[in-house]
């Protein structure tokens, strides 16, 4: 299956909107996905377990959504219950009225790992202008513009 064909699984066949995955379960050689469009209701489909890694971004995108409006939601809490991870999300519009989602624990772990492994750009932190600078050798306060300490003569970097 091509990338565009993969995304069709996770969008509503009637309106094309991305819905919410409310049930994700590994069963035999398949992953059972139950999906809900806010406008057109539920649908269920299977994905071969061997292709799980290919679908992780779609799982992540579908799990962290509001049932009522389909917009992105943030995880409010998670709770392990047997083989399940019960996920409670918080919608910016509807608050925490979103029902619990039942996600197979091993798949949820994979989603979490992939999220952590994604490189995050590092933003350089500006040095506040009123921050005091000190000589690394003797600790004498400096103005921050000197190359050498006036007290001990050490180089200041």
N, C-alpha and C. Protein backbone atom coordinates (compact mmCIF):
# COMPACT_ATOMS: atom_id res chain seq x y z
N UNK A 1 0.83 -1.19 0.00
CA UNK A 1 0.00 0.00 0.00
C UNK A 1 0.86 1.24 0.00
N UNK A 2 0.46 2.23 -0.71
CA UNK A 2 1.19 3.50 -0.77
C UNK A 2 0.79 4.38 0.40
N UNK A 3 1.60 5.40 0.66
CA UNK A 3 1.35 6.31 1.77
C UNK A 3 -0.05 6.93 1.68
N UNK A 4 -0.46 7.38 0.50
CA UNK A 4 -1.77 8.01 0.37
C UNK A 4 -2.89 7.00 0.62
N UNK A 5 -2.68 5.75 0.21
CA UNK A 5 -3.67 4.71 0.48
C UNK A 5 -3.77 4.43 1.97
N UNK A 6 -2.64 4.48 2.68
CA UNK A 6 -2.63 4.27 4.12
C UNK A 6 -3.50 5.31 4.82
N UNK A 7 -3.39 6.56 4.42
CA UNK A 7 -4.13 7.62 5.09
C UNK A 7 -5.64 7.48 4.88
N UNK A 8 -6.05 6.83 3.80
CA UNK A 8 -7.48 6.63 3.54
C UNK A 8 -8.14 5.78 4.62
N UNK A 9 -7.38 4.84 5.21
CA UNK A 9 -7.91 4.01 6.28
C UNK A 9 -8.37 4.88 7.45
N UNK A 10 -7.62 5.94 7.72
CA UNK A 10 -7.81 6.73 8.93
C UNK A 10 -8.66 7.97 8.72
N UNK A 11 -9.25 8.12 7.55
CA UNK A 11 -10.14 9.24 7.31
C UNK A 11 -11.54 8.72 7.01
N UNK A 12 -12.53 9.53 7.25
CA UNK A 12 -13.93 9.15 7.06
C UNK A 12 -14.20 8.95 5.57
N UNK A 13 -14.84 7.84 5.18
CA UNK A 13 -15.13 7.61 3.77
C UNK A 13 -16.16 8.59 3.21
N UNK A 14 -16.97 9.21 4.07
CA UNK A 14 -17.99 10.14 3.60
C UNK A 14 -17.48 11.57 3.46
N UNK A 15 -16.72 12.05 4.47
CA UNK A 15 -16.29 13.46 4.44
C UNK A 15 -14.78 13.64 4.33
N UNK A 16 -14.01 12.58 4.57
CA UNK A 16 -12.56 12.67 4.46
C UNK A 16 -11.86 13.22 5.70
N UNK A 17 -12.62 13.59 6.74
CA UNK A 17 -12.01 14.12 7.97
C UNK A 17 -11.29 13.02 8.73
N UNK A 18 -10.26 13.44 9.44
CA UNK A 18 -9.55 12.50 10.32
C UNK A 18 -10.38 12.37 11.57
N UNK A 19 -10.64 11.16 11.97
CA UNK A 19 -11.43 10.92 13.17
C UNK A 19 -10.54 10.49 14.33
N UNK A 20 -11.18 9.92 15.33
CA UNK A 20 -10.51 9.50 16.55
C UNK A 20 -10.46 7.99 16.62
N UNK A 21 -9.31 7.45 16.97
CA UNK A 21 -9.20 6.02 17.25
C UNK A 21 -9.57 5.85 18.71
N UNK A 22 -10.64 5.08 18.96
CA UNK A 22 -11.05 4.88 20.34
C UNK A 22 -10.76 3.48 20.85
N UNK A 23 -10.36 2.58 19.94
CA UNK A 23 -10.07 1.20 20.33
C UNK A 23 -9.00 0.67 19.38
N UNK A 24 -7.89 0.23 19.92
CA UNK A 24 -6.78 -0.28 19.11
C UNK A 24 -6.28 -1.54 19.79
N UNK A 25 -6.39 -2.67 19.09
CA UNK A 25 -6.12 -3.95 19.74
C UNK A 25 -5.35 -4.88 18.80
N UNK A 26 -4.34 -5.55 19.32
CA UNK A 26 -3.63 -6.59 18.57
C UNK A 26 -4.39 -7.89 18.80
N UNK A 27 -4.77 -8.54 17.70
CA UNK A 27 -5.51 -9.80 17.78
C UNK A 27 -5.02 -10.72 16.67
N UNK A 28 -4.35 -11.80 17.07
CA UNK A 28 -3.80 -12.73 16.08
C UNK A 28 -2.73 -12.03 15.25
N UNK A 29 -2.86 -12.07 13.95
CA UNK A 29 -1.90 -11.43 13.05
C UNK A 29 -2.36 -10.06 12.59
N UNK A 30 -3.36 -9.49 13.26
CA UNK A 30 -3.92 -8.20 12.85
C UNK A 30 -3.98 -7.23 14.00
N UNK A 31 -4.11 -5.98 13.64
CA UNK A 31 -4.43 -4.92 14.59
C UNK A 31 -5.84 -4.48 14.24
N UNK A 32 -6.73 -4.53 15.21
CA UNK A 32 -8.11 -4.10 15.02
C UNK A 32 -8.18 -2.62 15.40
N UNK A 33 -8.65 -1.80 14.48
CA UNK A 33 -8.76 -0.36 14.71
C UNK A 33 -10.23 0.02 14.67
N UNK A 34 -10.70 0.66 15.74
CA UNK A 34 -12.05 1.21 15.75
C UNK A 34 -11.89 2.73 15.76
N UNK A 35 -12.57 3.34 14.83
CA UNK A 35 -12.34 4.72 14.48
C UNK A 35 -13.67 5.45 14.46
N UNK A 36 -13.71 6.72 14.86
CA UNK A 36 -14.96 7.47 14.88
C UNK A 36 -14.79 8.82 14.22
N UNK A 37 -15.64 9.09 13.24
CA UNK A 37 -15.73 10.42 12.64
C UNK A 37 -16.75 11.21 13.48
N UNK A 38 -16.45 12.45 13.87
CA UNK A 38 -17.40 13.22 14.68
C UNK A 38 -18.75 13.42 13.98
N UNK A 39 -18.77 13.42 12.65
CA UNK A 39 -20.01 13.68 11.91
C UNK A 39 -20.72 12.40 11.47
N UNK A 40 -19.97 11.34 11.14
CA UNK A 40 -20.57 10.19 10.48
C UNK A 40 -20.47 8.86 11.24
N UNK A 41 -19.98 8.87 12.45
CA UNK A 41 -19.99 7.66 13.26
C UNK A 41 -18.77 6.77 13.14
N UNK A 42 -18.95 5.52 13.57
CA UNK A 42 -17.85 4.58 13.75
C UNK A 42 -17.59 3.74 12.50
N UNK A 43 -16.34 3.30 12.42
CA UNK A 43 -15.98 2.27 11.45
C UNK A 43 -14.87 1.44 12.08
N UNK A 44 -14.70 0.24 11.58
CA UNK A 44 -13.71 -0.68 12.11
C UNK A 44 -12.96 -1.29 10.93
N UNK A 45 -11.66 -1.50 11.10
CA UNK A 45 -10.87 -2.13 10.05
C UNK A 45 -9.67 -2.83 10.66
N UNK A 46 -9.02 -3.68 9.85
CA UNK A 46 -7.86 -4.44 10.30
C UNK A 46 -6.63 -4.02 9.52
N UNK A 47 -5.50 -4.07 10.22
CA UNK A 47 -4.20 -3.80 9.62
C UNK A 47 -3.31 -4.98 9.98
N UNK A 48 -2.53 -5.51 9.04
CA UNK A 48 -1.62 -6.62 9.37
C UNK A 48 -0.62 -6.20 10.45
N UNK A 49 -0.48 -7.03 11.45
CA UNK A 49 0.42 -6.75 12.57
C UNK A 49 1.86 -6.53 12.09
N UNK A 50 2.25 -7.23 11.04
CA UNK A 50 3.61 -7.09 10.50
C UNK A 50 3.88 -5.67 9.97
N UNK A 51 2.84 -4.92 9.68
CA UNK A 51 3.00 -3.57 9.13
C UNK A 51 2.76 -2.49 10.18
N UNK A 52 2.77 -2.87 11.44
CA UNK A 52 2.48 -1.94 12.53
C UNK A 52 3.34 -0.69 12.49
N UNK A 53 4.64 -0.84 12.31
CA UNK A 53 5.54 0.32 12.36
C UNK A 53 5.20 1.35 11.30
N UNK A 54 4.74 0.90 10.17
CA UNK A 54 4.37 1.81 9.09
C UNK A 54 3.17 2.69 9.47
N UNK A 55 2.31 2.17 10.37
CA UNK A 55 1.09 2.87 10.73
C UNK A 55 1.18 3.66 12.03
N UNK A 56 2.32 3.59 12.72
CA UNK A 56 2.48 4.29 14.00
C UNK A 56 2.12 5.78 13.89
N UNK A 57 2.58 6.51 12.87
CA UNK A 57 2.19 7.93 12.79
C UNK A 57 0.67 8.13 12.68
N UNK A 58 -0.01 7.24 11.99
CA UNK A 58 -1.46 7.33 11.85
C UNK A 58 -2.15 7.00 13.17
N UNK A 59 -1.61 6.02 13.90
CA UNK A 59 -2.16 5.69 15.22
C UNK A 59 -2.04 6.90 16.13
N UNK A 60 -0.84 7.47 16.16
CA UNK A 60 -0.58 8.62 17.03
C UNK A 60 -1.53 9.77 16.68
N UNK A 61 -1.68 10.03 15.40
CA UNK A 61 -2.54 11.12 14.95
C UNK A 61 -4.01 10.86 15.29
N UNK A 62 -4.45 9.62 15.20
CA UNK A 62 -5.84 9.29 15.47
C UNK A 62 -6.19 9.16 16.94
N UNK A 63 -5.24 8.79 17.75
CA UNK A 63 -5.51 8.61 19.18
C UNK A 63 -5.65 9.95 19.88
N UNK A 64 -4.81 10.88 19.55
CA UNK A 64 -4.79 12.16 20.26
C UNK A 64 -5.72 13.17 19.58
N UNK A 65 -7.01 12.82 19.52
CA UNK A 65 -8.05 13.65 18.90
C UNK A 65 -9.31 13.62 19.76
N UNK A 66 -10.11 14.66 19.63
CA UNK A 66 -11.39 14.77 20.33
C UNK A 66 -12.46 13.95 19.60
N UNK A 67 -13.28 13.23 20.34
CA UNK A 67 -14.40 12.45 19.77
C UNK A 67 -15.44 13.37 19.15
N UNK A 68 -15.67 14.51 19.78
CA UNK A 68 -16.78 15.37 19.38
C UNK A 68 -16.48 16.24 18.18
N UNK A 69 -15.25 16.76 18.07
CA UNK A 69 -14.96 17.69 16.99
C UNK A 69 -13.82 17.23 16.08
N UNK A 70 -13.02 16.27 16.53
CA UNK A 70 -11.93 15.76 15.70
C UNK A 70 -10.64 16.54 15.78
N UNK A 71 -10.62 17.65 16.54
CA UNK A 71 -9.38 18.40 16.62
C UNK A 71 -8.39 17.74 17.57
N UNK A 72 -7.13 18.12 17.44
CA UNK A 72 -6.09 17.51 18.27
C UNK A 72 -6.37 17.76 19.75
N UNK A 73 -6.08 16.73 20.55
CA UNK A 73 -6.27 16.80 21.99
C UNK A 73 -4.99 16.33 22.68
N UNK A 74 -4.77 16.80 23.88
CA UNK A 74 -3.58 16.42 24.64
C UNK A 74 -3.94 15.35 25.67
N UNK A 75 -2.98 14.49 25.96
CA UNK A 75 -3.19 13.43 26.95
C UNK A 75 -3.28 14.07 28.33
N UNK A 76 -4.39 13.78 29.00
CA UNK A 76 -4.58 14.27 30.37
C UNK A 76 -4.07 13.22 31.36
N UNK A 77 -4.36 11.93 31.07
CA UNK A 77 -3.89 10.87 31.95
C UNK A 77 -3.90 9.54 31.21
N UNK A 78 -3.11 8.61 31.72
CA UNK A 78 -3.10 7.25 31.20
C UNK A 78 -3.12 6.30 32.39
N UNK A 79 -3.71 5.13 32.16
CA UNK A 79 -3.78 4.13 33.22
C UNK A 79 -3.69 2.75 32.59
N UNK A 80 -2.78 1.93 33.10
CA UNK A 80 -2.66 0.55 32.62
C UNK A 80 -3.75 -0.28 33.25
N UNK A 81 -4.39 -1.12 32.43
CA UNK A 81 -5.43 -2.01 32.90
C UNK A 81 -5.35 -3.30 32.10
N UNK A 82 -4.67 -4.31 32.67
CA UNK A 82 -4.44 -5.56 31.96
C UNK A 82 -3.59 -5.28 30.72
N UNK A 83 -4.02 -5.76 29.56
CA UNK A 83 -3.23 -5.52 28.34
C UNK A 83 -3.49 -4.15 27.72
N UNK A 84 -4.34 -3.36 28.37
CA UNK A 84 -4.77 -2.08 27.81
C UNK A 84 -4.06 -0.90 28.47
N UNK A 85 -3.98 0.17 27.71
CA UNK A 85 -3.62 1.47 28.26
C UNK A 85 -4.88 2.31 28.06
N UNK A 86 -5.44 2.79 29.14
CA UNK A 86 -6.64 3.63 29.07
C UNK A 86 -6.17 5.08 29.01
N UNK A 87 -6.51 5.74 27.93
CA UNK A 87 -6.00 7.09 27.67
C UNK A 87 -7.15 8.08 27.79
N UNK A 88 -6.93 9.12 28.56
CA UNK A 88 -7.90 10.21 28.71
C UNK A 88 -7.27 11.46 28.12
N UNK A 89 -7.93 12.01 27.10
CA UNK A 89 -7.40 13.21 26.44
C UNK A 89 -8.21 14.43 26.83
N UNK A 90 -7.61 15.59 26.58
CA UNK A 90 -8.21 16.87 26.91
C UNK A 90 -8.29 17.69 25.63
N UNK A 91 -9.51 18.02 25.21
CA UNK A 91 -9.74 18.81 24.00
C UNK A 91 -9.72 20.30 24.38
N UNK A 92 -9.07 21.15 23.57
CA UNK A 92 -9.07 22.58 23.88
C UNK A 92 -10.48 23.19 23.85
N UNK A 93 -11.40 22.60 23.09
CA UNK A 93 -12.77 23.12 23.00
C UNK A 93 -13.71 22.44 23.97
N UNK A 94 -13.66 21.11 24.05
CA UNK A 94 -14.63 20.34 24.83
C UNK A 94 -14.11 19.91 26.19
N UNK A 95 -12.90 20.26 26.53
CA UNK A 95 -12.35 19.91 27.83
C UNK A 95 -12.11 18.42 27.99
N UNK A 96 -12.35 17.91 29.18
CA UNK A 96 -12.07 16.50 29.46
C UNK A 96 -13.31 15.62 29.35
N UNK A 97 -14.27 16.01 28.53
CA UNK A 97 -15.50 15.22 28.34
C UNK A 97 -15.28 14.07 27.37
N UNK A 98 -14.07 13.92 26.88
CA UNK A 98 -13.75 12.86 25.93
C UNK A 98 -13.71 11.52 26.66
N UNK A 99 -14.40 10.50 26.14
CA UNK A 99 -14.37 9.18 26.79
C UNK A 99 -12.96 8.56 26.76
N UNK A 100 -12.75 7.59 27.64
CA UNK A 100 -11.48 6.86 27.66
C UNK A 100 -11.30 6.10 26.36
N UNK A 101 -10.07 6.05 25.91
CA UNK A 101 -9.73 5.26 24.73
C UNK A 101 -8.97 4.03 25.21
N UNK A 102 -9.29 2.86 24.64
CA UNK A 102 -8.63 1.62 24.99
C UNK A 102 -7.60 1.30 23.91
N UNK A 103 -6.34 1.41 24.27
CA UNK A 103 -5.25 1.19 23.33
C UNK A 103 -4.41 0.03 23.87
N UNK A 104 -4.12 -0.94 23.01
CA UNK A 104 -3.30 -2.08 23.40
C UNK A 104 -1.97 -1.55 23.92
N UNK A 105 -1.55 -1.98 25.10
CA UNK A 105 -0.38 -1.42 25.78
C UNK A 105 0.90 -1.43 24.95
N UNK A 106 1.17 -2.54 24.27
CA UNK A 106 2.41 -2.61 23.49
C UNK A 106 2.40 -1.61 22.34
N UNK A 107 1.24 -1.40 21.74
CA UNK A 107 1.15 -0.41 20.66
C UNK A 107 1.30 0.99 21.23
N UNK A 108 0.68 1.26 22.38
CA UNK A 108 0.82 2.57 23.00
C UNK A 108 2.28 2.84 23.37
N UNK A 109 2.98 1.81 23.84
CA UNK A 109 4.40 1.96 24.15
C UNK A 109 5.18 2.32 22.89
N UNK A 110 4.87 1.65 21.78
CA UNK A 110 5.54 1.97 20.51
C UNK A 110 5.27 3.41 20.08
N UNK A 111 4.04 3.84 20.26
CA UNK A 111 3.69 5.22 19.90
C UNK A 111 4.48 6.19 20.77
N UNK A 112 4.55 5.91 22.05
CA UNK A 112 5.30 6.77 22.98
C UNK A 112 6.78 6.79 22.65
N UNK A 113 7.36 5.63 22.32
CA UNK A 113 8.78 5.56 21.98
C UNK A 113 9.08 6.39 20.74
N UNK A 114 8.25 6.25 19.73
CA UNK A 114 8.46 6.98 18.49
C UNK A 114 8.38 8.48 18.75
N UNK A 115 7.50 8.88 19.67
CA UNK A 115 7.34 10.29 19.96
C UNK A 115 8.60 10.82 20.66
N UNK A 116 9.15 10.04 21.58
CA UNK A 116 10.33 10.45 22.32
C UNK A 116 11.55 10.49 21.40
N UNK A 117 11.64 9.54 20.45
CA UNK A 117 12.79 9.46 19.58
C UNK A 117 12.83 10.54 18.50
N UNK A 118 11.70 11.20 18.28
CA UNK A 118 11.67 12.24 17.26
C UNK A 118 12.56 13.39 17.71
N UNK A 119 13.50 13.82 16.86
CA UNK A 119 14.41 14.89 17.28
C UNK A 119 13.67 16.20 17.46
N UNK A 120 13.96 16.84 18.55
CA UNK A 120 13.37 18.13 18.85
C UNK A 120 14.42 19.21 18.60
N UNK A 121 14.08 20.26 17.86
CA UNK A 121 15.06 21.31 17.62
C UNK A 121 15.41 22.01 18.93
N UNK A 122 16.68 22.26 19.11
CA UNK A 122 17.15 22.94 20.31
C UNK A 122 17.19 24.43 20.03
N UNK A 123 16.50 25.18 20.87
CA UNK A 123 16.47 26.62 20.73
C UNK A 123 17.58 27.21 21.59
N UNK A 124 18.44 28.04 21.00
CA UNK A 124 19.48 28.66 21.81
C UNK A 124 18.86 29.61 22.83
N UNK A 125 19.36 29.54 24.03
CA UNK A 125 18.85 30.39 25.09
C UNK A 125 19.65 31.68 25.15
N UNK A 126 19.01 32.83 24.99
CA UNK A 126 19.75 34.09 25.06
C UNK A 126 20.22 34.34 26.49
N UNK A 127 21.39 34.93 26.60
CA UNK A 127 21.93 35.27 27.91
C UNK A 127 21.32 36.59 28.34
N UNK A 128 20.66 36.63 29.48
CA UNK A 128 20.10 37.89 29.94
C UNK A 128 21.20 38.92 30.15
N UNK A 129 20.94 40.15 29.76
CA UNK A 129 21.97 41.20 29.84
C UNK A 129 22.28 41.59 31.28
N UNK A 130 21.35 41.38 32.20
CA UNK A 130 21.59 41.76 33.59
C UNK A 130 22.20 40.61 34.40
N UNK A 131 22.54 39.50 33.77
CA UNK A 131 23.13 38.37 34.46
C UNK A 131 24.57 38.71 34.83
N UNK A 132 24.95 38.45 36.09
CA UNK A 132 26.31 38.74 36.54
C UNK A 132 27.26 37.67 36.05
N UNK A 133 28.45 38.09 35.68
CA UNK A 133 29.49 37.18 35.23
C UNK A 133 30.60 37.20 36.28
N UNK A 134 31.27 36.04 36.39
CA UNK A 134 32.33 35.89 37.39
C UNK A 134 33.54 35.25 36.75
N UNK A 135 34.70 35.53 37.30
CA UNK A 135 35.94 34.90 36.86
C UNK A 135 35.87 33.42 37.23
N UNK A 136 36.16 32.52 36.29
CA UNK A 136 36.09 31.10 36.59
C UNK A 136 37.19 30.65 37.55
N UNK A 137 38.26 31.45 37.72
CA UNK A 137 39.37 31.07 38.58
C UNK A 137 39.18 31.55 40.02
N UNK A 138 38.93 32.86 40.19
CA UNK A 138 38.87 33.40 41.55
C UNK A 138 37.47 33.81 41.99
N UNK A 139 36.51 33.91 41.05
CA UNK A 139 35.14 34.24 41.40
C UNK A 139 34.84 35.72 41.48
N UNK A 140 35.77 36.54 41.09
CA UNK A 140 35.57 37.99 41.10
C UNK A 140 34.51 38.38 40.07
N UNK A 141 33.54 39.22 40.45
CA UNK A 141 32.55 39.68 39.47
C UNK A 141 33.22 40.48 38.35
N UNK A 142 32.75 40.28 37.13
CA UNK A 142 33.29 41.00 35.97
C UNK A 142 32.14 41.68 35.24
N UNK A 143 32.49 42.55 34.29
CA UNK A 143 31.49 43.24 33.49
C UNK A 143 31.01 42.35 32.34
N UNK A 144 31.77 41.32 32.01
CA UNK A 144 31.40 40.43 30.93
C UNK A 144 32.05 40.77 29.61
N UNK A 145 32.80 41.88 29.58
CA UNK A 145 33.46 42.28 28.34
C UNK A 145 34.97 42.06 28.40
N UNK A 146 35.51 41.79 29.59
CA UNK A 146 36.96 41.62 29.76
C UNK A 146 37.41 40.27 29.22
N UNK A 147 38.65 40.23 28.73
CA UNK A 147 39.24 38.97 28.31
C UNK A 147 40.02 38.35 29.46
N UNK A 148 40.51 39.19 30.38
CA UNK A 148 41.29 38.72 31.53
C UNK A 148 40.75 39.32 32.81
N UNK A 149 40.84 38.56 33.89
CA UNK A 149 40.37 39.01 35.20
C UNK A 149 41.31 40.09 35.74
N UNK A 150 40.73 41.18 36.25
CA UNK A 150 41.53 42.27 36.83
C UNK A 150 42.16 41.87 38.15
N UNK A 151 41.59 40.89 38.85
CA UNK A 151 42.10 40.48 40.15
C UNK A 151 43.22 39.46 40.04
N UNK A 152 42.98 38.34 39.31
CA UNK A 152 43.97 37.27 39.28
C UNK A 152 44.68 37.13 37.93
N UNK A 153 44.17 37.78 36.89
CA UNK A 153 44.83 37.75 35.58
C UNK A 153 44.47 36.54 34.74
N UNK A 154 43.53 35.71 35.20
CA UNK A 154 43.14 34.52 34.42
C UNK A 154 42.33 34.95 33.19
N UNK A 155 42.41 34.08 32.19
CA UNK A 155 41.63 34.32 30.98
C UNK A 155 40.16 34.03 31.27
N UNK A 156 39.27 34.93 30.81
CA UNK A 156 37.83 34.77 30.99
C UNK A 156 37.25 34.42 29.64
N UNK A 157 36.54 33.33 29.59
CA UNK A 157 35.95 32.92 28.31
C UNK A 157 34.48 33.18 28.28
